Amino acid sequence: MGDIADQMLEGSMCQWCGEFIDDETGWPTVCAGCQLEHNVDQHGNKLPEIEDGLHQKLAS
């Protein structure tokens, strides 16, 4: 595989947008920006919906 694919698999790059992540996890992960934008955890799993406005306050 290429360098970018290897970095995504090692967790040093976001598996969705390619942003570099400071702490390499050793497995594919999602950056904080993608977590907020798509309401997922660091592994890309969808989080339960929360009441209107609260998610927006957390993102601010």
Protein backbone atom coordinates (compact mmCIF):
# COMPACT_ATOMS: atom_id res chain seq x y z
CA MET A 1 0.00 0.00 0.00
CA GLY A 2 0.97 3.63 -0.23
CA ASP A 3 2.19 5.85 2.58
CA ILE A 4 -1.17 7.59 3.05
CA ALA A 5 -3.07 4.31 3.35
CA ASP A 6 -0.50 3.02 5.84
CA GLN A 7 -0.79 6.20 7.94
CA MET A 8 -4.60 5.90 7.99
CA LEU A 9 -4.39 2.25 9.05
CA GLU A 10 -1.87 3.12 11.79
CA GLY A 11 -4.08 5.94 13.11
CA SER A 12 -1.73 8.85 12.40
CA MET A 13 -4.21 10.24 9.83
CA CYS A 14 -8.01 10.51 9.98
CA GLN A 15 -9.53 7.67 7.98
CA TRP A 16 -12.21 10.02 6.57
CA CYS A 17 -10.54 13.36 5.75
CA GLY A 18 -6.80 12.65 5.96
CA GLU A 19 -6.04 15.18 8.71
CA PHE A 20 -2.96 14.28 10.75
CA ILE A 21 -3.65 13.12 14.32
CA ASP A 22 -1.08 13.86 17.04
CA ASP A 23 -1.38 10.61 18.99
CA GLU A 24 -1.00 7.54 16.77
CA THR A 25 -3.46 4.91 18.00
CA GLY A 26 -2.28 1.86 16.08
CA TRP A 27 -5.67 1.38 14.40
CA PRO A 28 -7.83 3.46 11.99
CA THR A 29 -9.44 6.42 13.75
CA VAL A 30 -11.50 9.56 13.04
CA CYS A 31 -10.27 13.10 13.88
CA ALA A 32 -12.15 15.41 16.27
CA GLY A 33 -13.48 17.53 13.38
CA CYS A 34 -15.06 14.55 11.64
CA GLN A 35 -16.40 13.26 14.97
CA LEU A 36 -18.31 16.50 15.53
CA GLU A 37 -19.41 16.93 11.92
CA HIS A 38 -20.77 13.39 11.56
CA ASN A 39 -21.72 12.68 15.22
CA VAL A 40 -19.47 9.62 15.53
CA ASP A 41 -16.90 8.35 18.02
CA GLN A 42 -13.17 8.01 17.28
CA HIS A 43 -13.78 4.65 15.57
CA GLY A 44 -16.47 6.03 13.24
CA ASN A 45 -19.41 4.47 15.11
CA LYS A 46 -22.59 6.57 15.03
CA LEU A 47 -23.44 8.14 18.40
CA PRO A 48 -27.00 8.32 19.72
CA GLU A 49 -28.92 11.45 18.80
CA ILE A 50 -29.04 14.10 21.51
CA GLU A 51 -31.48 16.94 22.06
CA ASP A 52 -31.49 19.84 19.59
CA GLY A 53 -28.91 22.52 20.16
CA LEU A 54 -26.76 20.60 22.63
CA HIS A 55 -24.58 19.10 19.89
CA GLN A 56 -24.12 22.58 18.41
CA LYS A 57 -23.09 24.00 21.82
CA LEU A 58 -20.46 21.27 22.21
CA ALA A 59 -19.06 22.04 18.75
CA SER A 60 -18.65 25.76 19.57
